């Protein structure tokens, strides 16, 4: 059982708001902010390993982007005379490849927005 002790002054304040202490309407209550340290690279070989893995992924994305654009270009050239659907697929494929490369290029900036 929880009991609350109420004093006579609390009762009077609740009944008569004019007797309550004045509050500054422009005052912002102090908020507790959790710590938010900047990102730090792990010390030692772990940081080097993570940098190496990210570098390999970047290299792979560049190679895949070049191959993807070359395949799309070949589809456009071949499909122009023989199969119009192939040329259209090459054009839409180009948009997907460029969109993927743009996402890869902005990956660190996108992640930084959320952290």
Protein backbone atom coordinates (compact mmCIF):
# COMPACT_ATOMS: atom_id res chain seq x y z
CA UNK A 1 0.00 0.00 0.00
CA UNK A 2 1.36 3.37 -1.01
CA UNK A 3 0.55 6.36 1.13
CA UNK A 4 1.20 9.95 0.26
CA UNK A 5 1.58 12.67 2.80
CA UNK A 6 -0.04 15.89 1.67
CA UNK A 7 0.70 19.06 3.52
CA UNK A 8 -1.73 21.90 4.09
CA UNK A 9 0.26 24.18 1.78
CA UNK A 10 0.02 21.62 -1.06
CA UNK A 11 -3.72 21.47 -0.57
CA UNK A 12 -4.03 25.25 -0.62
CA UNK A 13 -1.86 25.47 -3.75
CA UNK A 14 -4.01 22.90 -5.51
CA UNK A 15 -7.17 24.78 -4.58
CA UNK A 16 -5.82 28.26 -5.35
CA UNK A 17 -3.55 28.33 -8.44
CA UNK A 18 -2.71 31.99 -7.82
CA UNK A 19 -0.74 31.00 -4.73
CA UNK A 20 1.43 28.57 -6.73
CA UNK A 21 5.03 29.60 -7.44
CA UNK A 22 5.49 31.47 -10.71
CA UNK A 23 7.03 29.50 -13.58
CA UNK A 24 8.96 31.11 -16.40
CA UNK A 25 7.13 30.11 -19.62
CA UNK A 26 10.30 30.61 -21.69
CA UNK A 27 12.41 28.36 -19.51
CA UNK A 28 13.27 25.01 -21.03
CA UNK A 29 13.61 22.20 -18.54
CA UNK A 30 17.07 20.71 -18.44
CA UNK A 31 17.10 17.44 -20.32
CA UNK A 32 19.37 14.53 -19.73
CA UNK A 33 21.29 13.85 -22.93
CA UNK A 34 22.94 10.45 -23.35
CA UNK A 35 26.61 10.50 -24.31
CA UNK A 36 27.28 10.46 -28.05
CA UNK A 37 31.00 10.01 -28.66
CA UNK A 38 32.32 10.29 -32.24
CA UNK A 39 33.15 7.08 -34.10
CA UNK A 40 36.63 5.78 -33.46
CA UNK A 41 38.69 3.28 -35.36
CA UNK A 42 39.47 0.15 -33.35
CA UNK A 43 43.11 0.06 -32.25
CA UNK A 44 45.55 -2.41 -33.68
CA UNK A 45 45.06 -4.89 -36.47
CA UNK A 46 41.25 -4.99 -36.27
CA UNK A 47 40.97 -1.49 -37.76
CA UNK A 48 43.37 -2.42 -40.57
CA UNK A 49 41.37 -5.59 -41.28
CA UNK A 50 38.05 -3.70 -41.49
CA UNK A 51 39.62 -1.08 -43.78
CA UNK A 52 40.92 -3.86 -46.01
CA UNK A 53 37.50 -5.55 -46.23
CA UNK A 54 35.80 -2.23 -47.10
CA UNK A 55 38.47 -1.61 -49.75
CA UNK A 56 37.82 -5.05 -51.29
CA UNK A 57 34.08 -4.35 -51.42
CA UNK A 58 34.70 -0.99 -53.09
CA UNK A 59 36.96 -2.61 -55.67
CA UNK A 60 34.35 -5.31 -56.31
CA UNK A 61 31.62 -2.71 -56.76
CA UNK A 62 33.73 -0.78 -59.26
CA UNK A 63 34.44 -3.96 -61.24
CA UNK A 64 30.78 -5.03 -61.14
CA UNK A 65 29.69 -1.54 -62.23
CA UNK A 66 32.03 -1.54 -65.22
CA UNK A 67 30.95 -5.05 -66.26
CA UNK A 68 27.28 -4.14 -65.74
CA UNK A 69 27.53 -1.04 -67.90
CA UNK A 70 29.38 -2.96 -70.63
CA UNK A 71 26.72 -5.69 -70.63
CA UNK A 72 23.95 -3.09 -70.82
CA UNK A 73 25.73 -1.34 -73.69
CA UNK A 74 26.06 -4.66 -75.55
CA UNK A 75 22.35 -5.35 -75.01
CA UNK A 76 21.47 -1.95 -76.46
CA UNK A 77 23.72 -2.41 -79.50
CA UNK A 78 22.60 -5.99 -80.24
CA UNK A 79 18.95 -5.31 -79.48
CA UNK A 80 18.76 -2.26 -81.72
CA UNK A 81 18.66 -4.29 -84.94
CA UNK A 82 17.39 -7.69 -83.88
CA UNK A 83 15.32 -7.51 -80.72
CA UNK A 84 13.88 -4.22 -79.49
CA UNK A 85 12.95 -5.73 -76.09
CA UNK A 86 16.65 -6.47 -75.49
CA UNK A 87 17.55 -2.84 -76.19
CA UNK A 88 14.90 -1.65 -73.75
CA UNK A 89 16.18 -4.11 -71.14
CA UNK A 90 19.67 -2.70 -71.70
CA UNK A 91 18.42 0.83 -71.08
CA UNK A 92 16.56 -0.09 -67.90
CA UNK A 93 19.53 -2.16 -66.78
CA UNK A 94 21.74 0.91 -67.20
CA UNK A 95 19.48 2.84 -64.84
CA UNK A 96 19.72 0.06 -62.24
CA UNK A 97 23.51 -0.13 -62.54
CA UNK A 98 23.92 3.64 -62.24
CA UNK A 99 21.49 3.69 -59.29
CA UNK A 100 23.44 0.95 -57.54
CA UNK A 101 26.73 2.76 -58.12
CA UNK A 102 25.24 6.00 -56.79
CA UNK A 103 24.05 4.17 -53.68
CA UNK A 104 27.50 2.64 -53.22
CA UNK A 105 29.18 6.03 -53.68
CA UNK A 106 26.97 7.64 -51.06
CA UNK A 107 26.98 4.72 -48.62
CA UNK A 108 29.24 6.32 -46.01
CA UNK A 109 27.30 9.59 -46.16
CA UNK A 110 23.97 7.78 -45.78
CA UNK A 111 25.27 5.82 -42.79
CA UNK A 112 26.65 9.03 -41.24
CA UNK A 113 23.18 10.61 -41.38
CA UNK A 114 21.76 7.91 -39.13
CA UNK A 115 24.64 7.73 -36.66
